[in-house]
PDB file of N, CA and C in Angstrom:
ATOM      1  N   MET A   1     -25.873 -16.425  -8.862  1.00  0.00           N
ATOM      2  CA  MET A   1     -26.381 -15.241  -8.215  1.00  0.00           C
ATOM      3  C   MET A   1     -26.711 -14.217  -9.294  1.00  0.00           C
ATOM      4  N   SER A   2     -27.858 -13.560  -9.196  1.00  0.00           N
ATOM      5  CA  SER A   2     -28.236 -12.559 -10.175  1.00  0.00           C
ATOM      6  C   SER A   2     -27.452 -11.279  -9.926  1.00  0.00           C
ATOM      7  N   GLU A   3     -27.364 -10.420 -10.953  1.00  0.00           N
ATOM      8  CA  GLU A   3     -26.600  -9.183 -10.829  1.00  0.00           C
ATOM      9  C   GLU A   3     -27.183  -8.245  -9.789  1.00  0.00           C
ATOM     10  N   SER A   4     -28.492  -8.295  -9.572  1.00  0.00           N
ATOM     11  CA  SER A   4     -29.117  -7.387  -8.626  1.00  0.00           C
ATOM     12  C   SER A   4     -28.914  -7.820  -7.180  1.00  0.00           C
ATOM     13  N   GLN A   5     -28.434  -9.025  -6.989  1.00  0.00           N
ATOM     14  CA  GLN A   5     -28.210  -9.529  -5.632  1.00  0.00           C
ATOM     15  C   GLN A   5     -26.836  -9.089  -5.145  1.00  0.00           C
ATOM     16  N   ILE A   6     -26.792  -8.494  -3.975  1.00  0.00           N
ATOM     17  CA  ILE A   6     -25.539  -8.008  -3.402  1.00  0.00           C
ATOM     18  C   ILE A   6     -24.889  -9.122  -2.601  1.00  0.00           C
ATOM     19  N   GLU A   7     -23.580  -9.289  -2.790  1.00  0.00           N
ATOM     20  CA  GLU A   7     -22.839 -10.239  -1.962  1.00  0.00           C
ATOM     21  C   GLU A   7     -22.159  -9.446  -0.853  1.00  0.00           C
ATOM     22  N   TRP A   8     -22.608  -9.673   0.374  1.00  0.00           N
ATOM     23  CA  TRP A   8     -22.096  -8.971   1.539  1.00  0.00           C
ATOM     24  C   TRP A   8     -20.974  -9.763   2.174  1.00  0.00           C
ATOM     25  N   LEU A   9     -19.964  -9.069   2.660  1.00  0.00           N
ATOM     26  CA  LEU A   9     -18.857  -9.692   3.384  1.00  0.00           C
ATOM     27  C   LEU A   9     -18.840  -9.145   4.805  1.00  0.00           C
ATOM     28  N   ASN A  10     -18.578 -10.017   5.760  1.00  0.00           N
ATOM     29  CA  ASN A  10     -18.354  -9.495   7.109  1.00  0.00           C
ATOM     30  C   ASN A  10     -16.946  -8.904   7.146  1.00  0.00           C
ATOM     31  N   THR A  11     -16.627  -8.194   8.218  1.00  0.00           N
ATOM     32  CA  THR A  11     -15.345  -7.491   8.255  1.00  0.00           C
ATOM     33  C   THR A  11     -14.148  -8.445   8.258  1.00  0.00           C
ATOM     34  N   GLU A  12     -14.301  -9.580   8.888  1.00  0.00           N
ATOM     35  CA  GLU A  12     -13.199 -10.549   8.909  1.00  0.00           C
ATOM     36  C   GLU A  12     -12.912 -11.070   7.504  1.00  0.00           C
ATOM     37  N   THR A  13     -13.946 -11.420   6.767  1.00  0.00           N
ATOM     38  CA  THR A  13     -13.779 -11.932   5.406  1.00  0.00           C
ATOM     39  C   THR A  13     -13.232 -10.851   4.482  1.00  0.00           C
ATOM     40  N   ALA A  14     -13.740  -9.627   4.614  1.00  0.00           N
ATOM     41  CA  ALA A  14     -13.258  -8.516   3.789  1.00  0.00           C
ATOM     42  C   ALA A  14     -11.782  -8.244   4.057  1.00  0.00           C
ATOM     43  N   ALA A  15     -11.403  -8.266   5.329  1.00  0.00           N
ATOM     44  CA  ALA A  15      -9.998  -8.042   5.682  1.00  0.00           C
ATOM     45  C   ALA A  15      -9.107  -9.132   5.098  1.00  0.00           C
ATOM     46  N   LYS A  16      -9.554 -10.384   5.191  1.00  0.00           N
ATOM     47  CA  LYS A  16      -8.774 -11.487   4.620  1.00  0.00           C
ATOM     48  C   LYS A  16      -8.641 -11.339   3.116  1.00  0.00           C
ATOM     49  N   ARG A  17      -9.722 -10.928   2.456  1.00  0.00           N
ATOM     50  CA  ARG A  17      -9.683 -10.734   0.996  1.00  0.00           C
ATOM     51  C   ARG A  17      -8.664  -9.663   0.615  1.00  0.00           C
ATOM     52  N   LEU A  18      -8.544  -8.642   1.461  1.00  0.00           N
ATOM     53  CA  LEU A  18      -7.583  -7.567   1.205  1.00  0.00           C
ATOM     54  C   LEU A  18      -6.181  -7.892   1.711  1.00  0.00           C
ATOM     55  N   GLY A  19      -6.074  -8.915   2.548  1.00  0.00           N
ATOM     56  CA  GLY A  19      -4.775  -9.281   3.103  1.00  0.00           C
ATOM     57  C   GLY A  19      -4.310  -8.329   4.189  1.00  0.00           C
ATOM     58  N   VAL A  20      -5.270  -7.780   4.937  1.00  0.00           N
ATOM     59  CA  VAL A  20      -4.952  -6.843   6.020  1.00  0.00           C
ATOM     60  C   VAL A  20      -5.654  -7.300   7.292  1.00  0.00           C
ATOM     61  N   THR A  21      -5.324  -6.647   8.396  1.00  0.00           N
ATOM     62  CA  THR A  21      -6.007  -6.949   9.649  1.00  0.00           C
ATOM     63  C   THR A  21      -7.369  -6.261   9.663  1.00  0.00           C
ATOM     64  N   THR A  22      -8.245  -6.697  10.557  1.00  0.00           N
ATOM     65  CA  THR A  22      -9.546  -6.030  10.661  1.00  0.00           C
ATOM     66  C   THR A  22      -9.353  -4.592  11.136  1.00  0.00           C
ATOM     67  N   ARG A  23      -8.357  -4.350  11.949  1.00  0.00           N
ATOM     68  CA  ARG A  23      -8.072  -2.976  12.396  1.00  0.00           C
ATOM     69  C   ARG A  23      -7.759  -2.073  11.201  1.00  0.00           C
ATOM     70  N   THR A  24      -6.940  -2.566  10.259  1.00  0.00           N
ATOM     71  CA  THR A  24      -6.620  -1.796   9.056  1.00  0.00           C
ATOM     72  C   THR A  24      -7.866  -1.608   8.199  1.00  0.00           C
ATOM     73  N   LEU A  25      -8.697  -2.642   8.103  1.00  0.00           N
ATOM     74  CA  LEU A  25      -9.955  -2.525   7.360  1.00  0.00           C
ATOM     75  C   LEU A  25     -10.820  -1.416   7.959  1.00  0.00           C
ATOM     76  N   TYR A  26     -10.944  -1.377   9.282  1.00  0.00           N
ATOM     77  CA  TYR A  26     -11.728  -0.325   9.936  1.00  0.00           C
ATOM     78  C   TYR A  26     -11.142   1.057   9.635  1.00  0.00           C
ATOM     79  N   ARG A  27      -9.820   1.154   9.530  1.00  0.00           N
ATOM     80  CA  ARG A  27      -9.189   2.432   9.194  1.00  0.00           C
ATOM     81  C   ARG A  27      -9.565   2.848   7.775  1.00  0.00           C
ATOM     82  N   PHE A  28      -9.522   1.897   6.825  1.00  0.00           N
ATOM     83  CA  PHE A  28      -9.935   2.199   5.448  1.00  0.00           C
ATOM     84  C   PHE A  28     -11.374   2.714   5.426  1.00  0.00           C
ATOM     85  N   ILE A  29     -12.232   2.074   6.201  1.00  0.00           N
ATOM     86  CA  ILE A  29     -13.648   2.463   6.269  1.00  0.00           C
ATOM     87  C   ILE A  29     -13.776   3.849   6.898  1.00  0.00           C
ATOM     88  N   ASN A  30     -13.119   4.055   8.015  1.00  0.00           N
ATOM     89  CA  ASN A  30     -13.210   5.318   8.750  1.00  0.00           C
ATOM     90  C   ASN A  30     -12.676   6.497   7.937  1.00  0.00           C
ATOM     91  N   GLU A  31     -11.622   6.271   7.131  1.00  0.00           N
ATOM     92  CA  GLU A  31     -11.030   7.324   6.317  1.00  0.00           C
ATOM     93  C   GLU A  31     -11.803   7.565   5.026  1.00  0.00           C
ATOM     94  N   GLY A  32     -12.840   6.752   4.767  1.00  0.00           N
ATOM     95  CA  GLY A  32     -13.660   6.941   3.582  1.00  0.00           C
ATOM     96  C   GLY A  32     -13.165   6.250   2.333  1.00  0.00           C
ATOM     97  N   GLY A  33     -12.139   5.436   2.457  1.00  0.00           N
ATOM     98  CA  GLY A  33     -11.593   4.738   1.296  1.00  0.00           C
ATOM     99  C   GLY A  33     -12.400   3.526   0.875  1.00  0.00           C
ATOM    100  N   LEU A  34     -13.122   2.943   1.812  1.00  0.00           N
ATOM    101  CA  LEU A  34     -13.911   1.745   1.537  1.00  0.00           C
ATOM    102  C   LEU A  34     -15.297   1.916   2.143  1.00  0.00           C
ATOM    103  N   PRO A  35     -16.333   1.935   1.312  1.00  0.00           N
ATOM    104  CA  PRO A  35     -17.696   2.064   1.854  1.00  0.00           C
ATOM    105  C   PRO A  35     -18.067   0.847   2.691  1.00  0.00           C
ATOM    106  N   ALA A  36     -18.812   1.090   3.746  1.00  0.00           N
ATOM    107  CA  ALA A  36     -19.298   0.006   4.606  1.00  0.00           C
ATOM    108  C   ALA A  36     -20.680   0.384   5.110  1.00  0.00           C
ATOM    109  N   TYR A  37     -21.396  -0.610   5.602  1.00  0.00           N
ATOM    110  CA  TYR A  37     -22.795  -0.434   6.011  1.00  0.00           C
ATOM    111  C   TYR A  37     -23.005  -1.074   7.368  1.00  0.00           C
ATOM    112  N   ARG A  38     -23.677  -0.321   8.241  1.00  0.00           N
ATOM    113  CA  ARG A  38     -24.015  -0.862   9.558  1.00  0.00           C
ATOM    114  C   ARG A  38     -25.419  -1.444   9.460  1.00  0.00           C
ATOM    115  N   MET A  39     -25.539  -2.697   9.824  1.00  0.00           N
ATOM    116  CA  MET A  39     -26.823  -3.390   9.817  1.00  0.00           C
ATOM    117  C   MET A  39     -27.054  -3.895  11.231  1.00  0.00           C
ATOM    118  N   GLY A  40     -27.749  -3.083  11.987  1.00  0.00           N
ATOM    119  CA  GLY A  40     -27.909  -3.413  13.398  1.00  0.00           C
ATOM    120  C   GLY A  40     -26.585  -3.219  14.092  1.00  0.00           C
ATOM    121  N   ARG A  41     -26.086  -4.290  14.683  1.00  0.00           N
ATOM    122  CA  ARG A  41     -24.827  -4.213  15.428  1.00  0.00           C
ATOM    123  C   ARG A  41     -23.625  -4.678  14.614  1.00  0.00           C
ATOM    124  N   VAL A  42     -23.830  -5.042  13.354  1.00  0.00           N
ATOM    125  CA  VAL A  42     -22.721  -5.557  12.553  1.00  0.00           C
ATOM    126  C   VAL A  42     -22.403  -4.606  11.402  1.00  0.00           C
ATOM    127  N   ILE A  43     -21.179  -4.684  10.931  1.00  0.00           N
ATOM    128  CA  ILE A  43     -20.736  -3.907   9.783  1.00  0.00           C
ATOM    129  C   ILE A  43     -20.541  -4.875   8.626  1.00  0.00           C
ATOM    130  N   ARG A  44     -21.047  -4.500   7.474  1.00  0.00           N
ATOM    131  CA  ARG A  44     -20.901  -5.320   6.265  1.00  0.00           C
ATOM    132  C   ARG A  44     -20.297  -4.480   5.152  1.00  0.00           C
ATOM    133  N   VAL A  45     -19.593  -5.157   4.253  1.00  0.00           N
ATOM    134  CA  VAL A  45     -18.954  -4.524   3.109  1.00  0.00           C
ATOM    135  C   VAL A  45     -19.394  -5.281   1.868  1.00  0.00           C
ATOM    136  N   LYS A  46     -19.697  -4.539   0.794  1.00  0.00           N
ATOM    137  CA  LYS A  46     -20.042  -5.198  -0.459  1.00  0.00           C
ATOM    138  C   LYS A  46     -18.776  -5.767  -1.098  1.00  0.00           C
ATOM    139  N   GLN A  47     -18.871  -6.985  -1.595  1.00  0.00           N
ATOM    140  CA  GLN A  47     -17.717  -7.580  -2.270  1.00  0.00           C
ATOM    141  C   GLN A  47     -17.304  -6.721  -3.454  1.00  0.00           C
ATOM    142  N   SER A  48     -18.276  -6.166  -4.181  1.00  0.00           N
ATOM    143  CA  SER A  48     -17.956  -5.325  -5.338  1.00  0.00           C
ATOM    144  C   SER A  48     -17.178  -4.076  -4.921  1.00  0.00           C
ATOM    145  N   ASP A  49     -17.483  -3.513  -3.733  1.00  0.00           N
ATOM    146  CA  ASP A  49     -16.732  -2.358  -3.238  1.00  0.00           C
ATOM    147  C   ASP A  49     -15.304  -2.746  -2.877  1.00  0.00           C
ATOM    148  N   VAL A  50     -15.127  -3.936  -2.335  1.00  0.00           N
ATOM    149  CA  VAL A  50     -13.785  -4.426  -2.024  1.00  0.00           C
ATOM    150  C   VAL A  50     -12.989  -4.583  -3.319  1.00  0.00           C
ATOM    151  N   ASP A  51     -13.620  -5.140  -4.359  1.00  0.00           N
ATOM    152  CA  ASP A  51     -12.943  -5.314  -5.643  1.00  0.00           C
ATOM    153  C   ASP A  51     -12.541  -3.971  -6.251  1.00  0.00           C
ATOM    154  N   VAL A  52     -13.424  -2.974  -6.158  1.00  0.00           N
ATOM    155  CA  VAL A  52     -13.113  -1.629  -6.659  1.00  0.00           C
ATOM    156  C   VAL A  52     -11.960  -1.029  -5.859  1.00  0.00           C
ATOM    157  N   PHE A  53     -11.992  -1.205  -4.539  1.00  0.00           N
ATOM    158  CA  PHE A  53     -10.927  -0.702  -3.665  1.00  0.00           C
ATOM    159  C   PHE A  53      -9.582  -1.308  -4.068  1.00  0.00           C
ATOM    160  N   ILE A  54      -9.574  -2.594  -4.355  1.00  0.00           N
ATOM    161  CA  ILE A  54      -8.337  -3.269  -4.775  1.00  0.00           C
ATOM    162  C   ILE A  54      -7.818  -2.646  -6.063  1.00  0.00           C
ATOM    163  N   GLU A  55      -8.686  -2.449  -7.036  1.00  0.00           N
ATOM    164  CA  GLU A  55      -8.262  -1.865  -8.316  1.00  0.00           C
ATOM    165  C   GLU A  55      -7.770  -0.434  -8.145  1.00  0.00           C
ATOM    166  N   ARG A  56      -8.413   0.356  -7.295  1.00  0.00           N
ATOM    167  CA  ARG A  56      -7.989   1.741  -7.053  1.00  0.00           C
ATOM    168  C   ARG A  56      -6.640   1.796  -6.349  1.00  0.00           C
ATOM    169  N   SER A  57      -6.279   0.729  -5.666  1.00  0.00           N
ATOM    170  CA  SER A  57      -5.029   0.692  -4.908  1.00  0.00           C
ATOM    171  C   SER A  57      -3.833   0.265  -5.758  1.00  0.00           C
ATOM    172  N   LYS A  58      -4.074  -0.002  -7.012  1.00  0.00           N
ATOM    173  CA  LYS A  58      -3.001  -0.450  -7.899  1.00  0.00           C
ATOM    174  C   LYS A  58      -1.920   0.618  -7.997  1.00  0.00           C
ATOM    175  N   ILE A  59      -0.671   0.203  -7.887  1.00  0.00           N
ATOM    176  CA  ILE A  59       0.467   1.109  -7.943  1.00  0.00           C
ATOM    177  C   ILE A  59       0.907   1.259  -9.392  1.00  0.00           C
ATOM    178  N   GLU A  60       1.023   2.499  -9.825  1.00  0.00           N
ATOM    179  CA  GLU A  60       1.509   2.776 -11.173  1.00  0.00           C
ATOM    180  C   GLU A  60       3.036   2.720 -11.169  1.00  0.00           C
ATOM    181  N   PRO A  61       3.627   2.143 -12.209  1.00  0.00           N
ATOM    182  CA  PRO A  61       5.092   2.081 -12.276  1.00  0.00           C
ATOM    183  C   PRO A  61       5.697   3.489 -12.201  1.00  0.00           C
ATOM    184  N   GLY A  62       6.817   3.587 -11.504  1.00  0.00           N
ATOM    185  CA  GLY A  62       7.541   4.845 -11.399  1.00  0.00           C
ATOM    186  C   GLY A  62       7.059   5.773 -10.305  1.00  0.00           C
ATOM    187  N   THR A  63       6.137   5.313  -9.446  1.00  0.00           N
ATOM    188  CA  THR A  63       5.590   6.194  -8.418  1.00  0.00           C
ATOM    189  C   THR A  63       6.149   5.907  -7.021  1.00  0.00           C
ATOM    190  N   LEU A  64       7.103   5.019  -6.905  1.00  0.00           N
ATOM    191  CA  LEU A  64       7.618   4.646  -5.584  1.00  0.00           C
ATOM    192  C   LEU A  64       9.017   5.196  -5.295  1.00  0.00           C
ATOM    193  N   GLY A  65       9.484   6.137  -6.086  1.00  0.00           N
ATOM    194  CA  GLY A  65      10.818   6.685  -5.893  1.00  0.00           C
ATOM    195  C   GLY A  65      11.038   7.283  -4.522  1.00  0.00           C
ATOM    196  N   HIS A  66       9.978   7.794  -3.903  1.00  0.00           N
ATOM    197  CA  HIS A  66      10.093   8.393  -2.572  1.00  0.00           C
ATOM    198  C   HIS A  66      10.393   7.364  -1.480  1.00  0.00           C
ATOM    199  N   LEU A  67      10.276   6.082  -1.789  1.00  0.00           N
ATOM    200  CA  LEU A  67      10.460   5.048  -0.777  1.00  0.00           C
ATOM    201  C   LEU A  67      11.906   4.590  -0.624  1.00  0.00           C
ATOM    202  N   TYR A  68      12.774   4.982  -1.539  1.00  0.00           N
ATOM    203  CA  TYR A  68      14.169   4.586  -1.410  1.00  0.00           C
ATOM    204  C   TYR A  68      15.047   5.797  -1.724  1.00  0.00           C
ATOM    205  N   PRO A  69      16.149   5.927  -0.987  1.00  0.00           N
ATOM    206  CA  PRO A  69      17.008   7.113  -1.135  1.00  0.00           C
ATOM    207  C   PRO A  69      17.821   7.072  -2.423  1.00  0.00           C
ATOM    208  N   ASP A  70      18.387   8.225  -2.757  1.00  0.00           N
ATOM    209  CA  ASP A  70      19.303   8.269  -3.902  1.00  0.00           C
ATOM    210  C   ASP A  70      20.478   7.349  -3.620  1.00  0.00           C
ATOM    211  N   PRO A  71      21.073   6.781  -4.665  1.00  0.00           N
ATOM    212  CA  PRO A  71      22.224   5.890  -4.447  1.00  0.00           C
ATOM    213  C   PRO A  71      23.356   6.639  -3.744  1.00  0.00           C
ATOM    214  N   VAL A  72      23.998   5.958  -2.796  1.00  0.00           N
ATOM    215  CA  VAL A  72      25.127   6.518  -2.062  1.00  0.00           C
ATOM    216  C   VAL A  72      26.387   6.076  -2.786  1.00  0.00           C
ATOM    217  N   PRO A  73      27.335   7.005  -3.001  1.00  0.00           N
ATOM    218  CA  PRO A  73      28.584   6.578  -3.664  1.00  0.00           C
ATOM    219  C   PRO A  73      29.260   5.472  -2.859  1.00  0.00           C
ATOM    220  N   SER A  74      29.850   4.550  -3.547  1.00  0.00           N
ATOM    221  CA  SER A  74      30.493   3.437  -2.847  1.00  0.00           C
ATOM    222  C   SER A  74      31.738   3.931  -2.121  1.00  0.00           C
ATOM    223  N   ARG A  75      32.108   3.228  -1.076  1.00  0.00           N
ATOM    224  CA  ARG A  75      33.303   3.582  -0.302  1.00  0.00           C
ATOM    225  C   ARG A  75      34.545   3.407  -1.165  1.00  0.00           C
ATOM    226  N   ALA A  76      34.541   2.452  -2.095  1.00  0.00           N
ATOM    227  CA  ALA A  76      35.690   2.221  -2.970  1.00  0.00           C
ATOM    228  C   ALA A  76      35.932   3.450  -3.842  1.00  0.00           C
ATOM    229  N   ALA A  77      34.875   4.075  -4.340  1.00  0.00           N
ATOM    230  CA  ALA A  77      35.015   5.272  -5.157  1.00  0.00           C
ATOM    231  C   ALA A  77      35.613   6.405  -4.328  1.00  0.00           C
ATOM    232  N   ASP A  78      35.215   6.520  -3.069  1.00  0.00           N
ATOM    233  CA  ASP A  78      35.767   7.543  -2.188  1.00  0.00           C
ATOM    234  C   ASP A  78      37.270   7.324  -1.985  1.00  0.00           C
ATOM    235  N   ARG A  79      37.664   6.068  -1.803  1.00  0.00           N
ATOM    236  CA  ARG A  79      39.083   5.762  -1.589  1.00  0.00           C
ATOM    237  C   ARG A  79      39.901   6.065  -2.832  1.00  0.00           C
ATOM    238  N   GLN A  80      39.347   5.794  -4.010  1.00  0.00           N
ATOM    239  CA  GLN A  80      40.054   6.081  -5.250  1.00  0.00           C
ATOM    240  C   GLN A  80      40.297   7.577  -5.369  1.00  0.00           C
ATOM    241  N   ASP A  81      39.297   8.384  -5.024  1.00  0.00           N
ATOM    242  CA  ASP A  81      39.463   9.830  -5.067  1.00  0.00           C
ATOM    243  C   ASP A  81      40.564  10.271  -4.105  1.00  0.00           C
ATOM    244  N   ASP A  82      40.592   9.679  -2.894  1.00  0.00           N
ATOM    245  CA  ASP A  82      41.607  10.023  -1.916  1.00  0.00           C
ATOM    246  C   ASP A  82      42.992   9.626  -2.409  1.00  0.00           C
ATOM    247  N   ASP A  83      43.118   8.444  -3.021  1.00  0.00           N
ATOM    248  CA  ASP A  83      44.393   7.939  -3.511  1.00  0.00           C
ATOM    249  C   ASP A  83      44.907   8.806  -4.644  1.00  0.00           C
ATOM    250  N   SER A  84      44.048   9.305  -5.496  1.00  0.00           N
ATOM    251  CA  SER A  84      44.487  10.097  -6.631  1.00  0.00           C
ATOM    252  C   SER A  84      45.080  11.424  -6.190  1.00  0.00           C
ATOM    253  N   ASP A  85      44.660  11.907  -5.033  1.00  0.00           N
ATOM    254  CA  ASP A  85      45.182  13.170  -4.507  1.00  0.00           C
ATOM    255  C   ASP A  85      46.461  12.959  -3.680  1.00  0.00           C
ATOM    256  N   ALA A  86      46.788  11.715  -3.359  1.00  0.00           N
ATOM    257  CA  ALA A  86      47.873  11.430  -2.417  1.00  0.00           C
ATOM    258  C   ALA A  86      49.229  11.888  -2.931  1.00  0.00           C
ATOM    259  N   GLY A  87      49.490  11.841  -4.225  1.00  0.00           N
ATOM    260  CA  GLY A  87      50.818  12.179  -4.749  1.00  0.00           C
ATOM    261  C   GLY A  87      50.975  13.641  -5.110  1.00  0.00           C
ATOM    262  N   PHE A  88      49.998  14.442  -4.864  1.00  0.00           N
ATOM    263  CA  PHE A  88      50.073  15.845  -5.271  1.00  0.00           C
ATOM    264  C   PHE A  88      50.086  16.755  -4.059  1.00  0.00           C
ATOM    265  N   ASP A  89      50.918  17.773  -4.109  1.00  0.00           N
ATOM    266  CA  ASP A  89      50.929  18.789  -3.056  1.00  0.00           C
ATOM    267  C   ASP A  89      49.954  19.870  -3.424  1.00  0.00           C
ATOM    268  N   SER A  90      49.310  20.414  -2.420  1.00  0.00           N
ATOM    269  CA  SER A  90      48.354  21.487  -2.678  1.00  0.00           C
ATOM    270  C   SER A  90      49.041  22.811  -2.644  1.00  0.00           C
TER     271      SER A  90
END
């Protein structure tokens, strides 16, 4: 295929390439994250746009801290603190 020739994907193929449902693909399109084109009654996506979308979605290391809470002290540590106070009067 020459460079000037566009490889078009239907929405089902584009969704499979991204590993998402077609509903999620439509959301990406609707939110402006993935360009798409209406050709008559069908929607098409350029394969090159899908590839760019994949690269833009790359997660940088150290950016997911918001997804997991701070470590919770273990129950054993709590018991040790309680035991250490047991022999002392306040």
